[in-house]
Protein backbone atom coordinates (compact mmCIF):
# COMPACT_ATOMS: atom_id res chain seq x y z
CA UNK A 1 33.39 199.01 99.51
CA UNK A 2 32.77 197.01 102.45
CA UNK A 3 35.14 197.10 105.48
CA UNK A 4 35.68 193.25 105.14
CA UNK A 5 37.04 193.49 101.98
CA UNK A 6 39.72 196.23 102.67
CA UNK A 7 40.36 194.34 105.99
CA UNK A 8 41.34 191.40 103.62
CA UNK A 9 43.50 193.18 101.41
CA UNK A 10 45.40 194.96 104.26
CA UNK A 11 45.90 191.21 105.66
CA UNK A 12 47.09 190.19 101.98
CA UNK A 13 49.60 192.90 101.81
CA UNK A 14 50.77 192.14 105.11
CA UNK A 15 51.43 188.54 104.30
CA UNK A 16 53.07 189.37 101.24
CA UNK A 17 55.36 191.79 102.76
CA UNK A 18 56.13 189.07 105.51
CA UNK A 19 57.42 186.97 102.63
CA UNK A 20 59.17 189.62 101.15
CA UNK A 21 60.93 190.12 104.57
CA UNK A 22 62.15 186.48 104.60
CA UNK A 23 64.00 187.27 101.34
CA UNK A 24 65.28 190.85 101.90
CA UNK A 25 66.63 190.05 105.47
CA UNK A 26 69.03 187.75 104.12
CA UNK A 27 70.02 189.97 101.18
CA UNK A 28 70.38 193.02 103.44
CA UNK A 29 72.51 191.46 105.68
CA UNK A 30 74.61 190.06 102.58
CA UNK A 31 74.83 193.20 101.10
CA UNK A 32 75.39 195.24 104.20
CA UNK A 33 77.96 193.20 105.75
CA UNK A 34 80.09 191.88 102.74
CA UNK A 35 79.29 194.76 100.18
CA UNK A 36 78.14 192.22 98.06
CA UNK A 37 75.72 192.33 95.19
CA UNK A 38 74.15 189.02 95.01
CA UNK A 39 71.82 188.60 92.35
CA UNK A 40 71.60 184.85 92.63
CA UNK A 41 69.48 185.44 96.04
CA UNK A 42 66.31 184.62 93.81
CA UNK A 43 67.85 181.14 92.85
CA UNK A 44 68.28 180.03 96.51
CA UNK A 45 64.49 181.10 97.10
CA UNK A 46 63.90 178.69 94.14
CA UNK A 47 65.71 176.04 95.36
CA UNK A 48 63.86 176.17 98.84
CA UNK A 49 60.46 175.77 97.15
CA UNK A 50 61.48 172.93 94.62
CA UNK A 51 63.20 170.98 97.50
CA UNK A 52 60.25 171.65 99.78
CA UNK A 53 57.73 170.51 97.26
CA UNK A 54 59.61 167.39 96.55
CA UNK A 55 60.32 166.41 100.05
CA UNK A 56 56.51 166.98 100.87
CA UNK A 57 55.43 164.60 97.69
CA UNK A 58 57.46 161.79 99.06
CA UNK A 59 57.42 161.90 102.94
CA UNK A 60 53.76 163.61 103.04
CA UNK A 61 55.13 165.89 106.04
CA UNK A 62 55.23 169.76 105.54
CA UNK A 63 57.52 170.17 108.59
CA UNK A 64 60.15 168.16 107.19
CA UNK A 65 59.47 169.89 103.80
CA UNK A 66 60.09 173.19 105.72
CA UNK A 67 63.35 171.82 107.14
CA UNK A 68 64.62 170.72 104.11
CA UNK A 69 64.07 173.76 102.31
CA UNK A 70 65.93 175.64 105.28
CA UNK A 71 68.99 173.04 105.13
CA UNK A 72 68.91 172.97 101.37
CA UNK A 73 69.19 176.95 101.22
CA UNK A 74 71.82 177.16 103.56
CA UNK A 75 74.11 174.03 102.31
CA UNK A 76 73.68 175.80 98.89
CA UNK A 77 74.62 179.07 100.02
CA UNK A 78 77.47 177.98 102.15
CA UNK A 79 78.95 175.98 98.92
CA UNK A 80 78.41 179.00 96.88
CA UNK A 81 80.11 181.46 99.14
CA UNK A 82 83.04 179.07 99.88
CA UNK A 83 83.79 178.28 96.20
CA UNK A 84 82.53 181.21 93.99
CA UNK A 85 81.51 184.44 96.27
CA UNK A 86 84.70 184.67 98.51
CA UNK A 87 86.67 185.43 95.49
CA UNK A 88 84.50 188.50 94.77
CA UNK A 89 84.55 190.42 97.72
CA UNK A 90 87.58 192.70 96.63
CA UNK A 91 86.52 192.64 93.19
CA UNK A 92 84.34 195.63 91.85
CA UNK A 93 80.47 195.24 91.58
CA UNK A 94 80.51 194.72 88.00
CA UNK A 95 82.42 191.73 88.48
CA UNK A 96 79.89 190.51 91.62
CA UNK A 97 77.07 191.34 89.02
CA UNK A 98 78.22 189.20 86.20
CA UNK A 99 79.59 186.46 88.24
CA UNK A 100 76.03 186.16 90.36
CA UNK A 101 74.12 186.49 87.31
CA UNK A 102 76.16 183.47 85.61
CA UNK A 103 74.77 181.58 88.90
CA UNK A 104 71.23 182.32 88.12
CA UNK A 105 71.74 180.57 84.94
CA UNK A 106 73.42 177.72 86.46
CA UNK A 107 70.92 177.58 89.08
CA UNK A 108 67.88 177.67 86.66
CA UNK A 109 69.21 174.96 84.25
CA UNK A 110 70.52 172.94 87.03
CA UNK A 111 67.00 172.94 88.66
CA UNK A 112 65.36 172.22 85.60
CA UNK A 113 67.58 168.76 84.98
CA UNK A 114 67.11 167.69 88.45
CA UNK A 115 63.60 168.74 89.10
CA UNK A 116 62.15 168.73 85.50
CA UNK A 117 60.43 171.70 83.64
CA UNK A 118 56.95 171.17 84.91
CA UNK A 119 55.43 172.98 87.62
CA UNK A 120 55.65 171.32 91.06
CA UNK A 121 52.55 171.75 93.69
CA UNK A 122 52.95 171.85 97.61
CA UNK A 123 49.69 171.65 99.73
CA UNK A 124 49.44 173.29 102.84
CA UNK A 125 49.13 170.58 106.09
CA UNK A 126 45.67 169.84 106.93
CA UNK A 127 46.03 171.62 110.49
CA UNK A 128 46.79 174.77 108.72
CA UNK A 129 43.88 174.40 105.68
CA UNK A 130 40.50 176.37 106.21
CA UNK A 131 39.63 180.06 107.40
CA UNK A 132 39.68 181.38 110.64
CA UNK A 133 37.12 184.06 112.01
CA UNK A 134 38.63 187.28 112.98
CA UNK A 135 36.84 190.44 114.66
CA UNK A 136 34.48 192.10 112.63
CA UNK A 137 33.17 189.09 110.72
CA UNK A 138 36.56 188.65 108.73
CA UNK A 139 37.10 185.20 107.19
CA UNK A 140 40.89 184.64 106.64
CA UNK A 141 43.03 181.72 105.52
CA UNK A 142 44.52 180.00 108.58
CA UNK A 143 47.93 179.46 106.54
CA UNK A 144 48.08 182.96 105.70
CA UNK A 145 47.71 184.17 109.09
CA UNK A 146 50.34 181.78 110.49
CA UNK A 147 52.78 183.02 107.71
CA UNK A 148 52.22 186.55 109.19
CA UNK A 149 52.83 185.46 112.72
CA UNK A 150 55.76 182.95 112.00
CA UNK A 151 57.55 185.48 109.67
CA UNK A 152 57.08 188.25 112.53
CA UNK A 153 58.72 186.15 115.10
CA UNK A 154 61.88 185.26 112.73
CA UNK A 155 61.99 189.19 112.41
CA UNK A 156 62.16 189.25 116.12
CA UNK A 157 64.88 186.63 116.60
CA UNK A 158 66.83 187.82 113.63
CA UNK A 159 66.78 191.50 115.59
CA UNK A 160 67.77 189.76 118.76
CA UNK A 161 70.52 187.75 117.14
CA UNK A 162 72.18 190.96 115.42
CA UNK A 163 71.75 193.25 118.49
CA UNK A 164 71.81 191.14 121.65
CA UNK A 165 74.36 188.32 120.96
CA UNK A 166 78.17 188.15 120.65
CA UNK A 167 77.76 186.65 117.15
CA UNK A 168 75.67 189.78 116.30
CA UNK A 169 78.01 192.03 117.60
CA UNK A 170 80.81 190.30 115.24
CA UNK A 171 78.49 191.01 112.29
CA UNK A 172 77.78 194.56 113.04
CA UNK A 173 81.66 195.12 113.38
CA UNK A 174 82.67 193.02 110.31
CA UNK A 175 80.16 195.56 108.40
CA UNK A 176 81.87 198.37 109.65
CA UNK A 177 85.57 197.55 109.87
CA UNK A 178 86.42 193.86 108.41
CA UNK A 179 90.37 194.81 108.92
CA UNK A 180 89.94 195.61 112.57
CA UNK A 181 87.60 192.28 113.13
CA UNK A 182 90.10 190.05 111.81
CA UNK A 183 93.14 191.62 113.74
CA UNK A 184 91.07 191.28 116.85
CA UNK A 185 91.06 187.23 116.23
CA UNK A 186 87.68 187.01 114.60
CA UNK A 187 87.85 184.53 111.62
CA UNK A 188 86.13 186.81 108.90
CA UNK A 189 85.92 184.26 106.43
CA UNK A 190 83.96 181.77 108.70
CA UNK A 191 81.63 184.72 109.89
CA UNK A 192 81.05 185.80 105.91
CA UNK A 193 80.31 182.08 105.26
CA UNK A 194 77.60 182.10 108.09
CA UNK A 195 75.82 185.33 107.03
CA UNK A 196 75.73 183.95 103.53
CA UNK A 197 74.04 180.74 104.55
CA UNK A 198 71.95 182.47 106.98
CA UNK A 199 70.71 184.67 104.30
CA UNK A 200 70.42 181.79 101.73
CA UNK A 201 68.56 179.75 104.73
CA UNK A 202 65.93 182.46 104.91
CA UNK A 203 65.49 182.74 101.14
CA UNK A 204 64.85 179.21 100.96
CA UNK A 205 62.49 178.93 103.80
CA UNK A 206 60.48 181.66 102.12
CA UNK A 207 60.29 179.70 98.76
CA UNK A 208 59.08 176.72 100.66
CA UNK A 209 56.26 178.99 102.57
CA UNK A 210 55.22 180.51 99.41
CA UNK A 211 55.24 177.27 97.51
CA UNK A 212 51.86 176.48 99.41
CA UNK A 213 50.01 179.57 97.81
CA UNK A 214 51.44 179.25 94.40
CA UNK A 215 52.83 176.79 91.91
CA UNK A 216 56.61 175.97 92.24
CA UNK A 217 58.54 176.60 88.96
CA UNK A 218 61.67 177.53 87.15
CA UNK A 219 62.46 181.19 87.23
CA UNK A 220 59.96 182.01 90.31
CA UNK A 221 62.59 183.65 92.22
CA UNK A 222 63.76 186.59 89.89
CA UNK A 223 60.60 188.89 90.47
CA UNK A 224 60.86 188.63 93.98
CA UNK A 225 64.34 189.55 94.05
CA UNK A 226 63.70 192.58 92.40
CA UNK A 227 61.13 193.27 94.74
CA UNK A 228 63.73 192.25 97.69
CA UNK A 229 66.43 194.89 96.06
CA UNK A 230 63.45 197.81 96.41
CA UNK A 231 62.92 196.79 99.97
CA UNK A 232 66.54 197.35 101.18
CA UNK A 233 66.77 200.27 99.45
CA UNK A 234 63.69 201.78 101.16
CA UNK A 235 64.60 200.29 104.57
CA UNK A 236 68.39 200.90 104.43
CA UNK A 237 70.83 198.37 103.54
CA UNK A 238 72.24 196.33 106.56
CA UNK A 239 68.93 196.99 108.55
CA UNK A 240 66.95 194.04 109.85
CA UNK A 241 64.37 196.54 111.34
CA UNK A 242 64.37 198.34 107.86
CA UNK A 243 64.28 195.12 105.92
CA UNK A 244 61.08 194.44 107.72
CA UNK A 245 59.10 197.82 107.63
CA UNK A 246 60.22 198.19 104.26
CA UNK A 247 58.62 194.87 103.49
CA UNK A 248 55.48 195.73 104.87
CA UNK A 249 55.35 199.10 103.08
CA UNK A 250 55.89 197.29 99.52
CA UNK A 251 53.52 194.61 100.35
CA UNK A 252 51.02 196.91 101.35
CA UNK A 253 51.30 199.31 98.48
CA UNK A 254 51.52 196.52 95.74
CA UNK A 255 48.28 194.54 96.90
CA UNK A 256 46.23 197.84 97.85
CA UNK A 257 47.36 199.67 94.81
CA UNK A 258 46.21 196.74 92.60
CA UNK A 259 43.15 196.53 94.30
CA UNK A 260 42.14 200.22 94.63
CA UNK A 261 43.61 202.07 92.04
CA UNK A 262 41.60 201.00 89.07
CA UNK A 263 38.38 201.56 91.30
CA UNK A 264 39.63 205.15 91.83
CA UNK A 265 40.25 205.87 87.97
CA UNK A 266 36.72 204.35 87.17
CA UNK A 267 35.06 207.41 88.93
CA UNK A 268 36.47 209.46 86.19
CA UNK A 269 36.61 207.34 82.99
CA UNK A 270 35.57 204.08 81.36
CA UNK A 271 35.89 200.85 83.47
CA UNK A 272 38.07 199.01 80.93
CA UNK A 273 40.11 202.32 80.36
CA UNK A 274 40.30 202.76 84.27
CA UNK A 275 41.55 198.93 85.03
CA UNK A 276 44.47 199.40 82.48
CA UNK A 277 45.42 203.00 83.90
CA UNK A 278 45.12 201.88 87.35
CA UNK A 279 46.76 198.37 86.94
CA UNK A 280 49.64 200.07 85.34
CA UNK A 281 50.22 202.64 87.97
CA UNK A 282 49.83 200.28 90.54
CA UNK A 283 52.57 198.14 89.05
CA UNK A 284 54.68 201.50 89.51
CA UNK A 285 53.61 202.26 92.98
CA UNK A 286 56.31 200.57 94.82
CA UNK A 287 59.18 202.31 92.56
CA UNK A 288 57.05 205.45 93.25
CA UNK A 289 57.61 204.90 96.94
CA UNK A 290 60.98 203.96 96.55
CA UNK A 291 61.77 207.41 94.78
CA UNK A 292 59.91 209.38 97.57
CA UNK A 293 61.74 207.48 100.47
CA UNK A 294 64.99 208.38 98.58
CA UNK A 295 64.40 211.84 98.12
CA UNK A 296 63.54 212.35 101.57
CA UNK A 297 66.18 210.10 103.39
CA UNK A 298 68.73 208.94 100.48
CA UNK A 299 70.27 206.32 103.17
CA UNK A 300 66.56 204.72 103.31
CA UNK A 301 64.40 204.70 106.32
CA UNK A 302 67.01 203.02 108.80
CA UNK A 303 70.14 203.14 106.94
CA UNK A 304 73.51 204.40 108.16
CA UNK A 305 74.10 207.92 107.63
CA UNK A 306 77.45 208.24 105.69
């Protein structure tokens, strides 16, 4: 197995992990700050992808498509928080699960009604098409490299927002004691709306960016949502650093496992059987990773100890 192949798969896993980070960063903020289980987060990812594909088709501008996806995600998130989610903060988690599951159905049928049932396609802009030559003779798509760098910049920006700004102090304080924050004069309702809209905007942006790699279709957000929940469990609820590290671990585990496990088992059994066994274990590998982390550190890698 060549060095180039291994390096390319590592980059694929890193790119997949960075896209998971954009999903899980918003989800971990919402879960950590509000204590809300939001199953509809994947629907916001889907909305961003559909809006981006539609705007890009109408205008021919990829930048406008990304801006539209970001805005649509934030707007949808703010509306949902103010009209539905706000009533769920003091309810138990079962009510939150049922309400946000209903939102999945509403968003899915609404998206199908507005955009149609057929998949849409979003092309990367011409200036990001083609491959770039990396050290070691590696040829890798320029668009995917751009996604990795863009996601890392967003991660640094979110980290600075949470740790270095007044708003970040309010968000972290609201996570620990919302009653005290309210007593100190912070409008907790506006703060929660902002956090929810920020998480929704990141989900919409992630959907738009991934839309240039895969087809945009109804229901595309739910598989990613499951992986995002795995990420925040591994990284620790409420931790942006944990979301980033957890996303990269899940992305690398999923990608490298799918490539190398079938090859490993082919040393001991027939190729067809080895492929089936290796693929099955690879699909479970991220959950095995999650179990190992939880046994070692029940709060996740960077979660707060209770």
